[in-house]
PDB file of N, CA and C in Angstrom:
ATOM      1  N   MET A   1     -14.733   4.229 -13.547  1.00  0.00           N
ATOM      2  CA  MET A   1     -13.812   4.823 -12.836  1.00  0.00           C
ATOM      3  C   MET A   1     -14.016   3.592 -10.996  1.00  0.00           C
ATOM      4  N   ARG A   2     -15.556   3.850 -10.743  1.00  0.00           N
ATOM      5  CA  ARG A   2     -15.334   3.096  -9.868  1.00  0.00           C
ATOM      6  C   ARG A   2     -15.350   1.272 -10.315  1.00  0.00           C
ATOM      7  N   ALA A   3     -15.431   1.407 -11.501  1.00  0.00           N
ATOM      8  CA  ALA A   3     -14.793  -0.582 -11.061  1.00  0.00           C
ATOM      9  C   ALA A   3     -12.747  -0.523 -10.652  1.00  0.00           C
ATOM     10  N   ASP A   4     -12.249   0.668 -11.725  1.00  0.00           N
ATOM     11  CA  ASP A   4     -10.894   0.594 -11.486  1.00  0.00           C
ATOM     12  C   ASP A   4     -10.660   0.697  -9.984  1.00  0.00           C
ATOM     13  N   LEU A   5     -11.080   1.621  -9.348  1.00  0.00           N
ATOM     14  CA  LEU A   5     -11.148   2.008  -7.403  1.00  0.00           C
ATOM     15  C   LEU A   5     -10.604   0.914  -6.857  1.00  0.00           C
ATOM     16  N   GLU A   6     -12.653  -0.315  -7.287  1.00  0.00           N
ATOM     17  CA  GLU A   6     -12.906  -1.547  -6.969  1.00  0.00           C
ATOM     18  C   GLU A   6     -11.513  -2.940  -6.518  1.00  0.00           C
ATOM     19  N   THR A   7     -11.650  -2.764  -8.717  1.00  0.00           N
ATOM     20  CA  THR A   7      -9.840  -3.700  -8.607  1.00  0.00           C
ATOM     21  C   THR A   7      -8.612  -3.293  -7.504  1.00  0.00           C
ATOM     22  N   PHE A   8      -8.967  -1.698  -8.010  1.00  0.00           N
ATOM     23  CA  PHE A   8      -7.021  -1.912  -7.089  1.00  0.00           C
ATOM     24  C   PHE A   8      -7.081  -1.945  -5.298  1.00  0.00           C
ATOM     25  N   ARG A   9      -8.357  -1.549  -5.149  1.00  0.00           N
ATOM     26  CA  ARG A   9      -8.940  -2.236  -3.547  1.00  0.00           C
ATOM     27  C   ARG A   9      -8.500  -3.247  -3.129  1.00  0.00           C
ATOM     28  N   ALA A  10      -9.090  -4.091  -4.032  1.00  0.00           N
ATOM     29  CA  ALA A  10      -8.340  -5.363  -3.698  1.00  0.00           C
ATOM     30  C   ALA A  10      -7.401  -5.958  -4.088  1.00  0.00           C
ATOM     31  N   GLN A  11      -6.521  -5.230  -4.611  1.00  0.00           N
ATOM     32  CA  GLN A  11      -5.164  -5.221  -5.459  1.00  0.00           C
ATOM     33  C   GLN A  11      -4.117  -5.021  -3.709  1.00  0.00           C
ATOM     34  N   HIS A  12      -4.926  -3.646  -3.323  1.00  0.00           N
ATOM     35  CA  HIS A  12      -4.332  -3.061  -1.892  1.00  0.00           C
ATOM     36  C   HIS A  12      -4.470  -4.391  -0.857  1.00  0.00           C
ATOM     37  N   GLU A  13      -5.975  -4.625  -0.475  1.00  0.00           N
ATOM     38  CA  GLU A  13      -5.710  -5.837   0.228  1.00  0.00           C
ATOM     39  C   GLU A  13      -4.876  -6.778  -0.006  1.00  0.00           C
ATOM     40  N   ALA A  14      -5.106  -7.136  -0.907  1.00  0.00           N
ATOM     41  CA  ALA A  14      -3.547  -8.915  -1.290  1.00  0.00           C
ATOM     42  C   ALA A  14      -2.178  -8.589  -0.969  1.00  0.00           C
ATOM     43  N   PHE A  15      -1.755  -7.104  -1.399  1.00  0.00           N
ATOM     44  CA  PHE A  15      -0.807  -6.709  -1.239  1.00  0.00           C
ATOM     45  C   PHE A  15      -0.786  -6.463   0.430  1.00  0.00           C
ATOM     46  N   VAL A  16      -1.231  -6.015   0.922  1.00  0.00           N
ATOM     47  CA  VAL A  16      -1.100  -6.328   2.376  1.00  0.00           C
ATOM     48  C   VAL A  16      -1.270  -7.222   3.451  1.00  0.00           C
ATOM     49  N   GLY A  17      -2.350  -8.309   2.672  1.00  0.00           N
ATOM     50  CA  GLY A  17      -1.622  -9.475   3.017  1.00  0.00           C
ATOM     51  C   GLY A  17      -0.420  -9.875   3.209  1.00  0.00           C
ATOM     52  N   LEU A  18      -0.018  -9.714   1.250  1.00  0.00           N
ATOM     53  CA  LEU A  18       1.443  -9.991   2.114  1.00  0.00           C
ATOM     54  C   LEU A  18       2.378  -9.848   2.900  1.00  0.00           C
ATOM     55  N   VAL A  19       2.383  -8.266   3.150  1.00  0.00           N
ATOM     56  CA  VAL A  19       2.976  -7.273   4.150  1.00  0.00           C
ATOM     57  C   VAL A  19       2.862  -8.226   5.373  1.00  0.00           C
ATOM     58  N   SER A  20       1.926  -7.942   5.701  1.00  0.00           N
ATOM     59  CA  SER A  20       1.589  -8.799   7.093  1.00  0.00           C
ATOM     60  C   SER A  20       1.809  -9.899   7.077  1.00  0.00           C
ATOM     61  N   ASP A  21       1.993 -11.807   6.203  1.00  0.00           N
ATOM     62  CA  ASP A  21       2.247 -12.465   5.925  1.00  0.00           C
ATOM     63  C   ASP A  21       4.309 -12.272   6.716  1.00  0.00           C
ATOM     64  N   ALA A  22       4.146 -11.416   5.907  1.00  0.00           N
ATOM     65  CA  ALA A  22       6.371 -10.883   5.800  1.00  0.00           C
ATOM     66  C   ALA A  22       6.146 -10.327   7.600  1.00  0.00           C
ATOM     67  N   LEU A  23       5.073  -9.370   7.787  1.00  0.00           N
ATOM     68  CA  LEU A  23       5.894  -9.170   9.007  1.00  0.00           C
ATOM     69  C   LEU A  23       5.392 -10.175  10.543  1.00  0.00           C
ATOM     70  N   SER A  24       4.597 -11.046  10.202  1.00  0.00           N
ATOM     71  CA  SER A  24       4.305 -11.824  11.090  1.00  0.00           C
ATOM     72  C   SER A  24       5.566 -13.109  10.890  1.00  0.00           C
ATOM     73  N   TYR A  25       5.255 -13.835   9.912  1.00  0.00           N
ATOM     74  CA  TYR A  25       6.413 -14.896   9.373  1.00  0.00           C
ATOM     75  C   TYR A  25       8.188 -14.674   9.415  1.00  0.00           C
ATOM     76  N   GLY A  26       8.150 -13.809   8.807  1.00  0.00           N
ATOM     77  CA  GLY A  26       9.256 -13.604   7.852  1.00  0.00           C
ATOM     78  C   GLY A  26       9.714 -13.686   6.148  1.00  0.00           C
ATOM     79  N   PRO A  27      10.450 -13.684   5.237  1.00  0.00           N
ATOM     80  CA  PRO A  27      10.331 -13.002   4.556  1.00  0.00           C
ATOM     81  C   PRO A  27      10.897 -14.948   3.648  1.00  0.00           C
ATOM     82  N   CYS A  28       9.903 -15.682   2.813  1.00  0.00           N
ATOM     83  CA  CYS A  28      10.308 -16.460   2.196  1.00  0.00           C
ATOM     84  C   CYS A  28      10.281 -16.382   0.865  1.00  0.00           C
ATOM     85  N   PRO A  29      11.218 -17.406  -0.031  1.00  0.00           N
ATOM     86  CA  PRO A  29      11.038 -17.164  -0.950  1.00  0.00           C
ATOM     87  C   PRO A  29       9.764 -17.026  -2.348  1.00  0.00           C
ATOM     88  N   GLY A  30       8.807 -18.020  -1.468  1.00  0.00           N
ATOM     89  CA  GLY A  30       7.281 -17.590  -2.521  1.00  0.00           C
ATOM     90  C   GLY A  30       6.848 -16.695  -1.997  1.00  0.00           C
ATOM     91  N   LEU A  31       7.006 -15.821  -1.304  1.00  0.00           N
ATOM     92  CA  LEU A  31       6.372 -15.080  -0.132  1.00  0.00           C
ATOM     93  C   LEU A  31       6.690 -13.549  -0.738  1.00  0.00           C
ATOM     94  N   ASP A  32       8.589 -14.074  -0.876  1.00  0.00           N
ATOM     95  CA  ASP A  32       9.043 -12.420  -1.432  1.00  0.00           C
ATOM     96  C   ASP A  32       8.350 -12.307  -3.297  1.00  0.00           C
ATOM     97  N   GLN A  33       8.036 -13.850  -4.068  1.00  0.00           N
ATOM     98  CA  GLN A  33       8.041 -13.152  -5.584  1.00  0.00           C
ATOM     99  C   GLN A  33       6.680 -12.818  -5.521  1.00  0.00           C
ATOM    100  N   ALA A  34       5.642 -13.391  -4.845  1.00  0.00           N
ATOM    101  CA  ALA A  34       4.443 -13.104  -4.751  1.00  0.00           C
ATOM    102  C   ALA A  34       3.733 -11.563  -4.517  1.00  0.00           C
ATOM    103  N   TYR A  35       4.825 -10.816  -3.517  1.00  0.00           N
ATOM    104  CA  TYR A  35       5.205  -9.244  -3.169  1.00  0.00           C
ATOM    105  C   TYR A  35       5.190  -8.847  -4.607  1.00  0.00           C
ATOM    106  N   ARG A  36       6.740  -8.601  -4.722  1.00  0.00           N
ATOM    107  CA  ARG A  36       6.828  -8.487  -5.802  1.00  0.00           C
ATOM    108  C   ARG A  36       5.759  -8.835  -6.948  1.00  0.00           C
ATOM    109  N   ARG A  37       5.258  -9.611  -7.337  1.00  0.00           N
ATOM    110  CA  ARG A  37       4.282  -9.777  -8.749  1.00  0.00           C
ATOM    111  C   ARG A  37       3.467  -8.055  -8.170  1.00  0.00           C
ATOM    112  N   GLN A  38       2.343  -8.783  -6.709  1.00  0.00           N
ATOM    113  CA  GLN A  38       1.617  -7.877  -6.504  1.00  0.00           C
ATOM    114  C   GLN A  38       2.270  -6.228  -6.177  1.00  0.00           C
ATOM    115  N   ARG A  39       3.259  -6.359  -6.057  1.00  0.00           N
ATOM    116  CA  ARG A  39       3.833  -4.621  -6.030  1.00  0.00           C
ATOM    117  C   ARG A  39       3.526  -4.250  -7.525  1.00  0.00           C
ATOM    118  N   ALA A  40       4.452  -4.762  -8.379  1.00  0.00           N
ATOM    119  CA  ALA A  40       4.141  -4.513  -9.541  1.00  0.00           C
ATOM    120  C   ALA A  40       3.214  -4.725  -9.748  1.00  0.00           C
ATOM    121  N   GLN A  41       2.166  -4.856 -10.014  1.00  0.00           N
ATOM    122  CA  GLN A  41       0.569  -5.038 -10.984  1.00  0.00           C
ATOM    123  C   GLN A  41      -0.231  -3.870  -9.695  1.00  0.00           C
ATOM    124  N   MET A  42       0.183  -3.543  -8.424  1.00  0.00           N
ATOM    125  CA  MET A  42      -0.403  -2.071  -7.780  1.00  0.00           C
ATOM    126  C   MET A  42       0.317  -0.956  -8.382  1.00  0.00           C
ATOM    127  N   GLN A  43       1.739  -0.897  -8.440  1.00  0.00           N
ATOM    128  CA  GLN A  43       2.518  -0.082  -9.122  1.00  0.00           C
ATOM    129  C   GLN A  43       1.650   0.918 -10.289  1.00  0.00           C
ATOM    130  N   ARG A  44       1.350  -0.305 -11.003  1.00  0.00           N
ATOM    131  CA  ARG A  44       0.772  -0.238 -12.751  1.00  0.00           C
ATOM    132  C   ARG A  44      -1.066   0.294 -12.457  1.00  0.00           C
ATOM    133  N   GLU A  45      -1.467  -0.289 -11.532  1.00  0.00           N
ATOM    134  CA  GLU A  45      -2.862   0.041 -11.575  1.00  0.00           C
ATOM    135  C   GLU A  45      -3.276   1.511 -10.948  1.00  0.00           C
ATOM    136  N   TYR A  46      -2.423   1.890 -10.133  1.00  0.00           N
ATOM    137  CA  TYR A  46      -2.369   3.418  -9.640  1.00  0.00           C
ATOM    138  C   TYR A  46      -2.658   4.043 -10.516  1.00  0.00           C
ATOM    139  N   GLU A  47      -1.741   4.833 -11.022  1.00  0.00           N
ATOM    140  CA  GLU A  47      -2.055   5.380 -12.168  1.00  0.00           C
ATOM    141  C   GLU A  47      -3.368   5.901 -12.345  1.00  0.00           C
ATOM    142  N   GLY A  48      -3.950   4.584 -12.762  1.00  0.00           N
ATOM    143  CA  GLY A  48      -4.981   5.044 -13.045  1.00  0.00           C
ATOM    144  C   GLY A  48      -6.284   5.573 -12.351  1.00  0.00           C
ATOM    145  N   VAL A  49      -6.060   5.222 -10.728  1.00  0.00           N
ATOM    146  CA  VAL A  49      -6.831   5.663  -9.154  1.00  0.00           C
ATOM    147  C   VAL A  49      -6.168   6.747  -8.903  1.00  0.00           C
ATOM    148  N   ARG A  50      -5.104   7.216  -9.356  1.00  0.00           N
ATOM    149  CA  ARG A  50      -4.314   8.609  -8.261  1.00  0.00           C
ATOM    150  C   ARG A  50      -5.212   9.880  -8.219  1.00  0.00           C
ATOM    151  N   ALA A  51      -5.490   9.942  -8.932  1.00  0.00           N
ATOM    152  CA  ALA A  51      -6.917  11.524  -9.056  1.00  0.00           C
ATOM    153  C   ALA A  51      -7.890  10.980  -8.126  1.00  0.00           C
ATOM    154  N   VAL A  52      -8.305  10.187  -8.037  1.00  0.00           N
ATOM    155  CA  VAL A  52      -9.330   9.771  -6.553  1.00  0.00           C
ATOM    156  C   VAL A  52      -8.619   9.957  -5.761  1.00  0.00           C
ATOM    157  N   LEU A  53      -7.602   9.002  -5.622  1.00  0.00           N
ATOM    158  CA  LEU A  53      -7.089   8.764  -4.084  1.00  0.00           C
ATOM    159  C   LEU A  53      -6.589  10.088  -3.744  1.00  0.00           C
ATOM    160  N   ALA A  54      -6.079  11.107  -4.646  1.00  0.00           N
ATOM    161  CA  ALA A  54      -5.212  12.546  -3.787  1.00  0.00           C
ATOM    162  C   ALA A  54      -5.790  13.253  -2.712  1.00  0.00           C
ATOM    163  N   PRO A  55      -7.041  13.016  -3.098  1.00  0.00           N
ATOM    164  CA  PRO A  55      -7.613  14.288  -1.732  1.00  0.00           C
ATOM    165  C   PRO A  55      -7.554  13.097  -0.592  1.00  0.00           C
ATOM    166  N   TYR A  56      -7.739  11.851  -0.754  1.00  0.00           N
ATOM    167  CA  TYR A  56      -7.957  11.075   0.637  1.00  0.00           C
ATOM    168  C   TYR A  56      -6.167  10.985   1.397  1.00  0.00           C
ATOM    169  N   LEU A  57      -5.562  11.088   0.257  1.00  0.00           N
ATOM    170  CA  LEU A  57      -4.292  10.698   0.707  1.00  0.00           C
ATOM    171  C   LEU A  57      -3.687  12.392   1.000  1.00  0.00           C
ATOM    172  N   ASP A  58      -2.302  11.846   2.283  1.00  0.00           N
ATOM    173  CA  ASP A  58      -0.854  13.580   2.717  1.00  0.00           C
ATOM    174  C   ASP A  58      -0.221  12.913   1.444  1.00  0.00           C
ATOM    175  N   GLY A  59       0.254  13.880   0.783  1.00  0.00           N
ATOM    176  CA  GLY A  59       1.212  14.049  -0.142  1.00  0.00           C
ATOM    177  C   GLY A  59       2.367  14.482   0.879  1.00  0.00           C
ATOM    178  N   THR A  60       2.687  14.596   2.000  1.00  0.00           N
ATOM    179  CA  THR A  60       3.457  14.836   2.330  1.00  0.00           C
ATOM    180  C   THR A  60       4.358  13.496   3.051  1.00  0.00           C
ATOM    181  N   GLU A  61       3.861  12.301   2.929  1.00  0.00           N
ATOM    182  CA  GLU A  61       4.317  11.117   3.684  1.00  0.00           C
ATOM    183  C   GLU A  61       6.028  11.105   3.718  1.00  0.00           C
ATOM    184  N   ASP A  62       6.403  10.773   4.810  1.00  0.00           N
ATOM    185  CA  ASP A  62       7.968  11.204   5.021  1.00  0.00           C
ATOM    186  C   ASP A  62       9.109  12.014   4.559  1.00  0.00           C
ATOM    187  N   GLY A  63       8.246  12.898   3.608  1.00  0.00           N
ATOM    188  CA  GLY A  63       8.762  14.112   2.823  1.00  0.00           C
ATOM    189  C   GLY A  63       9.907  13.882   1.827  1.00  0.00           C
ATOM    190  N   SER A  64       9.660  12.623   1.169  1.00  0.00           N
ATOM    191  CA  SER A  64       9.853  11.975   0.110  1.00  0.00           C
ATOM    192  C   SER A  64       9.671  12.499  -1.182  1.00  0.00           C
ATOM    193  N   HIS A  65      10.506  12.659  -2.238  1.00  0.00           N
ATOM    194  CA  HIS A  65      10.190  13.531  -3.313  1.00  0.00           C
ATOM    195  C   HIS A  65      10.209  12.195  -4.918  1.00  0.00           C
ATOM    196  N   LEU A  66       8.943  12.312  -5.344  1.00  0.00           N
ATOM    197  CA  LEU A  66       8.908  11.741  -6.370  1.00  0.00           C
ATOM    198  C   LEU A  66       9.291  12.573  -7.830  1.00  0.00           C
ATOM    199  N   GLY A  67      10.356  12.818  -8.453  1.00  0.00           N
ATOM    200  CA  GLY A  67      10.855  14.388  -9.429  1.00  0.00           C
ATOM    201  C   GLY A  67      10.295  15.440  -8.605  1.00  0.00           C
ATOM    202  N   ASN A  68       9.242  15.911  -9.203  1.00  0.00           N
ATOM    203  CA  ASN A  68       8.499  17.532  -8.701  1.00  0.00           C
ATOM    204  C   ASN A  68       8.039  17.456  -7.469  1.00  0.00           C
ATOM    205  N   ARG A  69       7.544  16.373  -7.021  1.00  0.00           N
ATOM    206  CA  ARG A  69       6.021  15.900  -6.334  1.00  0.00           C
ATOM    207  C   ARG A  69       6.760  15.313  -5.187  1.00  0.00           C
ATOM    208  N   THR A  70       5.918  15.107  -3.993  1.00  0.00           N
ATOM    209  CA  THR A  70       6.707  14.780  -2.765  1.00  0.00           C
ATOM    210  C   THR A  70       5.100  13.217  -2.704  1.00  0.00           C
ATOM    211  N   ALA A  71       6.216  12.299  -2.632  1.00  0.00           N
ATOM    212  CA  ALA A  71       5.919  10.817  -2.568  1.00  0.00           C
ATOM    213  C   ALA A  71       4.408  10.546  -1.114  1.00  0.00           C
ATOM    214  N   ASP A  72       3.233   9.918  -1.663  1.00  0.00           N
ATOM    215  CA  ASP A  72       1.796   9.892  -0.967  1.00  0.00           C
ATOM    216  C   ASP A  72       1.767   8.308  -0.478  1.00  0.00           C
ATOM    217  N   ALA A  73       1.285   8.151   0.835  1.00  0.00           N
ATOM    218  CA  ALA A  73       1.158   7.061   1.481  1.00  0.00           C
ATOM    219  C   ALA A  73       1.416   5.787   0.679  1.00  0.00           C
ATOM    220  N   LEU A  74       0.263   5.620  -0.115  1.00  0.00           N
ATOM    221  CA  LEU A  74       0.331   4.436  -1.155  1.00  0.00           C
ATOM    222  C   LEU A  74       1.760   4.359  -2.056  1.00  0.00           C
ATOM    223  N   GLU A  75       2.270   5.549  -2.236  1.00  0.00           N
ATOM    224  CA  GLU A  75       3.983   5.352  -3.001  1.00  0.00           C
ATOM    225  C   GLU A  75       4.567   4.765  -1.933  1.00  0.00           C
ATOM    226  N   LYS A  76       5.098   5.193  -0.422  1.00  0.00           N
ATOM    227  CA  LYS A  76       5.832   4.914   0.209  1.00  0.00           C
ATOM    228  C   LYS A  76       5.162   3.293   0.733  1.00  0.00           C
ATOM    229  N   LEU A  77       4.159   2.973   0.909  1.00  0.00           N
ATOM    230  CA  LEU A  77       3.709   1.833   1.121  1.00  0.00           C
ATOM    231  C   LEU A  77       3.831   0.664   0.527  1.00  0.00           C
ATOM    232  N   MET A  78       4.942   1.127  -1.621  1.00  0.00           N
ATOM    233  CA  MET A  78       4.606  -0.009  -2.303  1.00  0.00           C
ATOM    234  C   MET A  78       6.340   0.102  -2.857  1.00  0.00           C
ATOM    235  N   GLU A  79       6.869   1.324  -1.876  1.00  0.00           N
ATOM    236  CA  GLU A  79       8.157   1.651  -2.350  1.00  0.00           C
ATOM    237  C   GLU A  79       9.163   0.708  -2.218  1.00  0.00           C
ATOM    238  N   PRO A  80       9.365  -0.464  -0.841  1.00  0.00           N
ATOM    239  CA  PRO A  80      10.610  -0.881  -0.775  1.00  0.00           C
ATOM    240  C   PRO A  80       9.944  -2.194  -1.919  1.00  0.00           C
ATOM    241  N   PRO A  81      11.009  -2.567  -3.463  1.00  0.00           N
ATOM    242  CA  PRO A  81      11.260  -3.689  -3.802  1.00  0.00           C
ATOM    243  C   PRO A  81      10.845  -5.097  -3.278  1.00  0.00           C
ATOM    244  N   THR A  82      11.350  -5.397  -2.314  1.00  0.00           N
ATOM    245  CA  THR A  82      11.041  -6.515  -1.937  1.00  0.00           C
ATOM    246  C   THR A  82      10.994  -6.683  -0.184  1.00  0.00           C
ATOM    247  N   LEU A  83      10.331  -7.824   0.243  1.00  0.00           N
ATOM    248  CA  LEU A  83      10.035  -8.160   1.674  1.00  0.00           C
ATOM    249  C   LEU A  83      10.981  -7.642   2.843  1.00  0.00           C
ATOM    250  N   VAL A  84      12.661  -8.039   2.166  1.00  0.00           N
ATOM    251  CA  VAL A  84      13.399  -8.058   3.089  1.00  0.00           C
ATOM    252  C   VAL A  84      13.458  -6.377   3.510  1.00  0.00           C
ATOM    253  N   GLN A  85      13.557  -5.601   2.409  1.00  0.00           N
ATOM    254  CA  GLN A  85      13.511  -4.289   2.689  1.00  0.00           C
ATOM    255  C   GLN A  85      12.308  -3.894   3.091  1.00  0.00           C
ATOM    256  N   VAL A  86      11.257  -4.621   3.118  1.00  0.00           N
ATOM    257  CA  VAL A  86       9.679  -4.300   4.276  1.00  0.00           C
ATOM    258  C   VAL A  86      10.470  -3.912   5.687  1.00  0.00           C
ATOM    259  N   LEU A  87      10.764  -5.453   6.039  1.00  0.00           N
ATOM    260  CA  LEU A  87      11.258  -5.816   6.858  1.00  0.00           C
ATOM    261  C   LEU A  87      11.984  -5.061   7.370  1.00  0.00           C
ATOM    262  N   GLN A  88      12.723  -4.579   6.875  1.00  0.00           N
ATOM    263  CA  GLN A  88      13.895  -3.295   7.419  1.00  0.00           C
ATOM    264  C   GLN A  88      13.350  -2.344   8.225  1.00  0.00           C
ATOM    265  N   GLY A  89      12.109  -1.708   7.314  1.00  0.00           N
ATOM    266  CA  GLY A  89      11.428  -0.693   8.053  1.00  0.00           C
ATOM    267  C   GLY A  89      10.917  -0.877   9.443  1.00  0.00           C
ATOM    268  N   ASP A  90      10.578   0.509   9.971  1.00  0.00           N
ATOM    269  CA  ASP A  90      10.065   0.219  11.444  1.00  0.00           C
ATOM    270  C   ASP A  90       8.749  -0.780  11.495  1.00  0.00           C
ATOM    271  N   PRO A  91       8.448  -1.606  11.717  1.00  0.00           N
ATOM    272  CA  PRO A  91       6.789  -2.236  12.358  1.00  0.00           C
ATOM    273  C   PRO A  91       5.863  -1.516  12.201  1.00  0.00           C
ATOM    274  N   GLY A  92       5.869  -0.825  13.264  1.00  0.00           N
ATOM    275  CA  GLY A  92       4.798   0.613  13.627  1.00  0.00           C
ATOM    276  C   GLY A  92       4.416   1.405  12.654  1.00  0.00           C
ATOM    277  N   ARG A  93       5.320   1.913  12.240  1.00  0.00           N
ATOM    278  CA  ARG A  93       5.529   2.793  10.641  1.00  0.00           C
ATOM    279  C   ARG A  93       4.671   2.037   9.590  1.00  0.00           C
ATOM    280  N   ILE A  94       4.633   0.467   9.199  1.00  0.00           N
ATOM    281  CA  ILE A  94       4.158  -0.074   8.148  1.00  0.00           C
ATOM    282  C   ILE A  94       3.113   0.182   8.377  1.00  0.00           C
ATOM    283  N   LEU A  95       2.775  -0.751   9.848  1.00  0.00           N
ATOM    284  CA  LEU A  95       1.521  -1.386  10.088  1.00  0.00           C
ATOM    285  C   LEU A  95      -0.006   0.428  10.314  1.00  0.00           C
ATOM    286  N   ALA A  96       0.993   1.570  10.165  1.00  0.00           N
ATOM    287  CA  ALA A  96      -0.309   2.473   9.942  1.00  0.00           C
ATOM    288  C   ALA A  96       0.218   3.454   8.889  1.00  0.00           C
ATOM    289  N   ARG A  97       1.319   2.571   8.181  1.00  0.00           N
ATOM    290  CA  ARG A  97       1.040   3.171   6.644  1.00  0.00           C
ATOM    291  C   ARG A  97      -0.268   2.329   6.347  1.00  0.00           C
ATOM    292  N   ILE A  98      -0.573   1.055   6.186  1.00  0.00           N
ATOM    293  CA  ILE A  98      -1.194  -0.166   6.015  1.00  0.00           C
ATOM    294  C   ILE A  98      -2.692   0.450   6.413  1.00  0.00           C
ATOM    295  N   ALA A  99      -2.249   0.898   7.769  1.00  0.00           N
ATOM    296  CA  ALA A  99      -4.165   0.836   8.152  1.00  0.00           C
ATOM    297  C   ALA A  99      -4.424   2.418   7.583  1.00  0.00           C
ATOM    298  N   TYR A 100      -3.804   3.502   7.413  1.00  0.00           N
ATOM    299  CA  TYR A 100      -3.765   4.845   6.488  1.00  0.00           C
ATOM    300  C   TYR A 100      -4.799   4.606   4.971  1.00  0.00           C
ATOM    301  N   THR A 101      -3.713   4.132   3.946  1.00  0.00           N
ATOM    302  CA  THR A 101      -4.133   3.904   3.044  1.00  0.00           C
ATOM    303  C   THR A 101      -5.140   3.131   2.323  1.00  0.00           C
ATOM    304  N   ARG A 102      -5.053   1.834   3.875  1.00  0.00           N
ATOM    305  CA  ARG A 102      -6.285   1.219   3.810  1.00  0.00           C
ATOM    306  C   ARG A 102      -8.046   1.979   4.414  1.00  0.00           C
ATOM    307  N   GLU A 103      -7.829   3.278   5.075  1.00  0.00           N
ATOM    308  CA  GLU A 103      -8.872   3.833   4.993  1.00  0.00           C
ATOM    309  C   GLU A 103      -8.925   5.156   3.833  1.00  0.00           C
ATOM    310  N   ALA A 104      -8.294   5.434   3.468  1.00  0.00           N
ATOM    311  CA  ALA A 104      -8.318   6.037   2.120  1.00  0.00           C
ATOM    312  C   ALA A 104      -8.652   5.230   1.348  1.00  0.00           C
ATOM    313  N   ILE A 105      -8.495   4.353   1.017  1.00  0.00           N
ATOM    314  CA  ILE A 105      -9.296   3.378  -0.318  1.00  0.00           C
ATOM    315  C   ILE A 105     -10.940   3.174   0.148  1.00  0.00           C
ATOM    316  N   ALA A 106     -10.881   3.177   1.395  1.00  0.00           N
ATOM    317  CA  ALA A 106     -12.482   2.633   1.724  1.00  0.00           C
ATOM    318  C   ALA A 106     -13.415   4.108   1.769  1.00  0.00           C
ATOM    319  N   LEU A 107     -12.605   5.137   2.405  1.00  0.00           N
ATOM    320  CA  LEU A 107     -13.723   6.308   1.777  1.00  0.00           C
ATOM    321  C   LEU A 107     -13.780   6.707   0.582  1.00  0.00           C
ATOM    322  N   CYS A 108     -12.560   6.766  -0.315  1.00  0.00           N
ATOM    323  CA  CYS A 108     -12.556   7.425  -1.416  1.00  0.00           C
ATOM    324  C   CYS A 108     -14.058   6.426  -2.766  1.00  0.00           C
ATOM    325  N   ALA A 109     -13.768   4.801  -1.986  1.00  0.00           N
ATOM    326  CA  ALA A 109     -14.497   4.135  -2.266  1.00  0.00           C
ATOM    327  C   ALA A 109     -16.280   3.869  -1.384  1.00  0.00           C
ATOM    328  N   GLY A 110     -16.189   4.581  -0.761  1.00  0.00           N
ATOM    329  CA  GLY A 110     -17.574   4.949   0.341  1.00  0.00           C
ATOM    330  C   GLY A 110     -17.842   4.096   0.812  1.00  0.00           C
ATOM    331  N   HIS A 111     -16.414   2.913   1.247  1.00  0.00           N
ATOM    332  CA  HIS A 111     -16.812   1.431   2.004  1.00  0.00           C
ATOM    333  C   HIS A 111     -16.745   1.566   4.087  1.00  0.00           C
ATOM    334  N   GLU A 112     -17.049   0.887   4.219  1.00  0.00           N
ATOM    335  CA  GLU A 112     -16.818   1.163   5.906  1.00  0.00           C
ATOM    336  C   GLU A 112     -15.191   0.844   5.782  1.00  0.00           C
ATOM    337  N   VAL A 113     -14.616   1.472   7.267  1.00  0.00           N
ATOM    338  CA  VAL A 113     -12.940   0.883   6.952  1.00  0.00           C
ATOM    339  C   VAL A 113     -13.057   0.038   7.504  1.00  0.00           C
ATOM    340  N   PRO A 114     -12.162  -0.897   7.066  1.00  0.00           N
ATOM    341  CA  PRO A 114     -11.502  -2.743   7.935  1.00  0.00           C
ATOM    342  C   PRO A 114     -10.589  -1.888   8.253  1.00  0.00           C
ATOM    343  N   ALA A 115     -10.740  -3.079  10.010  1.00  0.00           N
ATOM    344  CA  ALA A 115     -10.059  -3.125  10.870  1.00  0.00           C
ATOM    345  C   ALA A 115      -8.830  -3.269  10.063  1.00  0.00           C
ATOM    346  N   VAL A 116      -7.491  -2.879  10.929  1.00  0.00           N
ATOM    347  CA  VAL A 116      -6.396  -3.974  10.932  1.00  0.00           C
ATOM    348  C   VAL A 116      -5.497  -4.693  11.805  1.00  0.00           C
ATOM    349  N   ALA A 117      -4.784  -5.524  11.356  1.00  0.00           N
ATOM    350  CA  ALA A 117      -4.314  -6.979  12.071  1.00  0.00           C
ATOM    351  C   ALA A 117      -3.278  -5.954  13.030  1.00  0.00           C
ATOM    352  N   GLY A 118      -3.556  -5.880  13.978  1.00  0.00           N
ATOM    353  CA  GLY A 118      -1.981  -5.609  14.438  1.00  0.00           C
ATOM    354  C   GLY A 118      -2.099  -4.264  15.150  1.00  0.00           C
ATOM    355  N   ALA A 119      -2.626  -3.499  14.624  1.00  0.00           N
ATOM    356  CA  ALA A 119      -2.987  -2.587  15.074  1.00  0.00           C
ATOM    357  C   ALA A 119      -3.821  -2.183  16.231  1.00  0.00           C
TER     358      ALA A 119
END
């Protein structure tokens, strides 16, 4: 499980990098394609680490519901299918969600919490 969590942590950092680039420079075709690939990979991998991360995440993020349960902050972060849709959101909320999910993953993995650029 530790290896799965470390893999997911690296994927999250790559995903956050793409979102941060889009917030700084706007969307472009190559960046959007990379975002879509990374998002799909994270969504697949999240299923394997959700149980260990759940205690570190608030399940009430924005009150959105997935089936019978409320979406957590990672699911909300991964929700927009394109960078254009990411950029239509509130940049402050996006940065806060990045910081929150980064901290949750780091705490779960027993790592020092990295700083968030722009926050």
